[in-house]
Amino acid sequence: MGYAVVVIDVVRATTTAITAVALGRRCLPAASLDTAHSLADRLADPLLVGEVDGIMPKGFDINKQPRRHW
């Protein structure tokens, strides 16, 4: 019988989201980079935060390390 293990980095992502909200920002999760960029285009003064495979995507402002930026 085979097994699959799936790990999602919810601890760091959740910490980042909570930090943003605690500092008065709205947090709008996006399911894809295209969705994130599309949403950011419709917002005033957006801050794109995140990583893909540990790397900050092109066009994003910061990665998921709130203590380094806020």
N, C-alpha and C. Protein backbone atom coordinates (compact mmCIF):
# COMPACT_ATOMS: atom_id res chain seq x y z
N MET A 1 0.85 -1.17 0.00
CA MET A 1 0.00 0.00 0.00
C MET A 1 0.90 1.24 0.00
N GLY A 2 0.61 2.21 -0.87
CA GLY A 2 1.39 3.44 -0.94
C GLY A 2 0.80 4.53 -0.07
N TYR A 3 1.65 5.49 0.25
CA TYR A 3 1.22 6.62 1.06
C TYR A 3 1.65 7.91 0.38
N ALA A 4 0.91 8.94 0.61
CA ALA A 4 1.27 10.28 0.13
C ALA A 4 1.29 11.23 1.32
N VAL A 5 2.28 12.07 1.35
CA VAL A 5 2.37 13.06 2.41
C VAL A 5 2.34 14.44 1.75
N VAL A 6 1.44 15.28 2.20
CA VAL A 6 1.32 16.63 1.68
C VAL A 6 1.57 17.60 2.82
N VAL A 7 2.48 18.53 2.61
CA VAL A 7 2.80 19.52 3.64
C VAL A 7 2.53 20.90 3.07
N ILE A 8 1.75 21.67 3.78
CA ILE A 8 1.44 23.04 3.38
C ILE A 8 1.96 23.97 4.47
N ASP A 9 2.70 24.97 4.07
CA ASP A 9 3.32 25.89 5.02
C ASP A 9 2.30 26.90 5.53
N VAL A 10 1.36 26.41 6.35
CA VAL A 10 0.33 27.31 6.85
C VAL A 10 0.80 28.12 8.05
N VAL A 11 1.83 27.65 8.75
CA VAL A 11 2.28 28.38 9.93
C VAL A 11 2.84 29.74 9.54
N ARG A 12 3.78 29.77 8.60
CA ARG A 12 4.37 31.04 8.20
C ARG A 12 3.36 31.92 7.46
N ALA A 13 2.57 31.32 6.60
CA ALA A 13 1.57 32.09 5.87
C ALA A 13 0.55 32.69 6.83
N THR A 14 0.12 31.92 7.81
CA THR A 14 -0.85 32.42 8.78
C THR A 14 -0.24 33.51 9.65
N THR A 15 1.00 33.33 10.06
CA THR A 15 1.68 34.36 10.85
C THR A 15 1.76 35.66 10.07
N THR A 16 2.09 35.57 8.81
CA THR A 16 2.18 36.76 7.96
C THR A 16 0.82 37.45 7.84
N ALA A 17 -0.22 36.68 7.60
CA ALA A 17 -1.57 37.25 7.47
C ALA A 17 -2.02 37.91 8.77
N ILE A 18 -1.79 37.25 9.89
CA ILE A 18 -2.19 37.81 11.19
C ILE A 18 -1.42 39.10 11.48
N THR A 19 -0.13 39.10 11.15
CA THR A 19 0.68 40.31 11.36
C THR A 19 0.15 41.46 10.52
N ALA A 20 -0.19 41.20 9.28
CA ALA A 20 -0.72 42.25 8.40
C ALA A 20 -2.01 42.82 8.97
N VAL A 21 -2.92 41.96 9.38
CA VAL A 21 -4.20 42.40 9.93
C VAL A 21 -3.99 43.16 11.24
N ALA A 22 -3.08 42.68 12.08
CA ALA A 22 -2.80 43.37 13.35
C ALA A 22 -2.25 44.77 13.13
N LEU A 23 -1.60 44.97 11.98
CA LEU A 23 -1.05 46.29 11.66
C LEU A 23 -2.02 47.15 10.85
N GLY A 24 -3.27 46.68 10.73
CA GLY A 24 -4.31 47.48 10.10
C GLY A 24 -4.50 47.26 8.61
N ARG A 25 -3.86 46.26 8.04
CA ARG A 25 -4.05 45.97 6.61
C ARG A 25 -5.14 44.93 6.43
N ARG A 26 -5.81 44.99 5.29
CA ARG A 26 -6.73 43.93 4.91
C ARG A 26 -5.90 42.80 4.31
N CYS A 27 -6.32 41.59 4.51
CA CYS A 27 -5.61 40.43 3.96
C CYS A 27 -6.56 39.69 3.03
N LEU A 28 -6.19 39.63 1.76
CA LEU A 28 -7.03 39.01 0.75
C LEU A 28 -6.25 37.87 0.09
N PRO A 29 -6.41 36.64 0.58
CA PRO A 29 -5.68 35.52 0.00
C PRO A 29 -6.07 35.29 -1.45
N ALA A 30 -5.11 34.86 -2.26
CA ALA A 30 -5.35 34.57 -3.67
C ALA A 30 -4.87 33.15 -3.97
N ALA A 31 -5.59 32.46 -4.81
CA ALA A 31 -5.28 31.07 -5.12
C ALA A 31 -4.18 30.91 -6.17
N SER A 32 -3.84 32.00 -6.86
CA SER A 32 -2.81 31.91 -7.90
C SER A 32 -2.12 33.26 -8.06
N LEU A 33 -0.98 33.25 -8.73
CA LEU A 33 -0.28 34.51 -9.00
C LEU A 33 -1.12 35.43 -9.88
N ASP A 34 -1.76 34.85 -10.89
CA ASP A 34 -2.61 35.67 -11.77
C ASP A 34 -3.73 36.34 -10.98
N THR A 35 -4.34 35.59 -10.07
CA THR A 35 -5.41 36.15 -9.25
C THR A 35 -4.87 37.24 -8.34
N ALA A 36 -3.71 37.02 -7.77
CA ALA A 36 -3.10 38.03 -6.88
C ALA A 36 -2.82 39.32 -7.63
N HIS A 37 -2.24 39.21 -8.82
CA HIS A 37 -1.94 40.40 -9.61
C HIS A 37 -3.21 41.10 -10.07
N SER A 38 -4.21 40.34 -10.46
CA SER A 38 -5.49 40.91 -10.88
C SER A 38 -6.16 41.66 -9.74
N LEU A 39 -6.15 41.07 -8.57
CA LEU A 39 -6.73 41.71 -7.39
C LEU A 39 -5.95 42.97 -7.04
N ALA A 40 -4.64 42.90 -7.07
CA ALA A 40 -3.80 44.06 -6.74
C ALA A 40 -4.06 45.22 -7.69
N ASP A 41 -4.31 44.91 -8.95
CA ASP A 41 -4.60 45.95 -9.95
C ASP A 41 -5.85 46.75 -9.62
N ARG A 42 -6.76 46.16 -8.84
CA ARG A 42 -8.02 46.82 -8.50
C ARG A 42 -8.00 47.50 -7.14
N LEU A 43 -6.87 47.44 -6.43
CA LEU A 43 -6.78 48.00 -5.09
C LEU A 43 -5.88 49.23 -5.05
N ALA A 44 -6.18 50.12 -4.12
CA ALA A 44 -5.31 51.28 -3.90
C ALA A 44 -4.20 50.87 -2.94
N ASP A 45 -2.98 51.13 -3.30
CA ASP A 45 -1.81 50.86 -2.46
C ASP A 45 -1.73 49.40 -1.98
N PRO A 46 -1.79 48.43 -2.91
CA PRO A 46 -1.70 47.02 -2.49
C PRO A 46 -0.28 46.65 -2.11
N LEU A 47 -0.16 45.63 -1.28
CA LEU A 47 1.13 45.07 -0.91
C LEU A 47 1.06 43.58 -1.22
N LEU A 48 1.76 43.15 -2.26
CA LEU A 48 1.75 41.74 -2.63
C LEU A 48 2.80 41.02 -1.81
N VAL A 49 2.35 40.01 -1.06
CA VAL A 49 3.23 39.28 -0.16
C VAL A 49 3.09 37.78 -0.44
N GLY A 50 4.21 37.10 -0.58
CA GLY A 50 4.13 35.65 -0.77
C GLY A 50 5.38 35.07 -1.39
N GLU A 51 5.32 33.76 -1.59
CA GLU A 51 6.42 33.01 -2.16
C GLU A 51 5.86 31.85 -2.98
N VAL A 52 6.62 31.44 -3.95
CA VAL A 52 6.35 30.20 -4.69
C VAL A 52 7.65 29.40 -4.62
N ASP A 53 7.58 28.23 -4.05
CA ASP A 53 8.78 27.40 -3.86
C ASP A 53 9.88 28.16 -3.11
N GLY A 54 9.48 28.99 -2.14
CA GLY A 54 10.44 29.72 -1.33
C GLY A 54 11.01 30.96 -1.97
N ILE A 55 10.53 31.32 -3.15
CA ILE A 55 11.04 32.48 -3.89
C ILE A 55 9.92 33.50 -4.08
N MET A 56 10.24 34.77 -3.83
CA MET A 56 9.25 35.83 -4.02
C MET A 56 8.98 36.00 -5.52
N PRO A 57 7.70 35.93 -5.94
CA PRO A 57 7.37 36.07 -7.35
C PRO A 57 7.65 37.48 -7.90
N LYS A 58 7.87 37.55 -9.17
CA LYS A 58 8.07 38.83 -9.86
C LYS A 58 6.84 39.71 -9.63
N GLY A 59 7.09 40.97 -9.29
CA GLY A 59 6.00 41.91 -9.06
C GLY A 59 5.52 41.95 -7.63
N PHE A 60 5.98 41.03 -6.78
CA PHE A 60 5.59 41.05 -5.37
C PHE A 60 6.49 42.02 -4.61
N ASP A 61 5.97 42.50 -3.48
CA ASP A 61 6.70 43.49 -2.69
C ASP A 61 7.61 42.87 -1.64
N ILE A 62 7.13 41.82 -0.98
CA ILE A 62 7.93 41.14 0.04
C ILE A 62 7.56 39.66 0.08
N ASN A 63 8.42 38.86 0.72
CA ASN A 63 8.12 37.44 0.88
C ASN A 63 7.34 37.22 2.18
N LYS A 64 7.25 35.99 2.62
CA LYS A 64 6.46 35.67 3.82
C LYS A 64 7.30 35.77 5.09
N GLN A 65 8.05 36.82 5.26
CA GLN A 65 8.87 37.03 6.46
C GLN A 65 8.47 38.35 7.10
N PRO A 66 7.34 38.42 7.80
CA PRO A 66 6.86 39.71 8.30
C PRO A 66 7.84 40.42 9.23
N ARG A 67 8.59 39.69 10.01
CA ARG A 67 9.49 40.33 10.95
C ARG A 67 10.61 41.09 10.23
N ARG A 68 10.89 40.75 9.00
CA ARG A 68 11.93 41.43 8.23
C ARG A 68 11.43 42.74 7.63
N HIS A 69 10.13 42.89 7.49
CA HIS A 69 9.59 44.02 6.73
C HIS A 69 8.68 44.94 7.53
N TRP A 70 8.02 44.41 8.56
CA TRP A 70 7.03 45.23 9.25
C TRP A 70 7.56 45.60 10.59
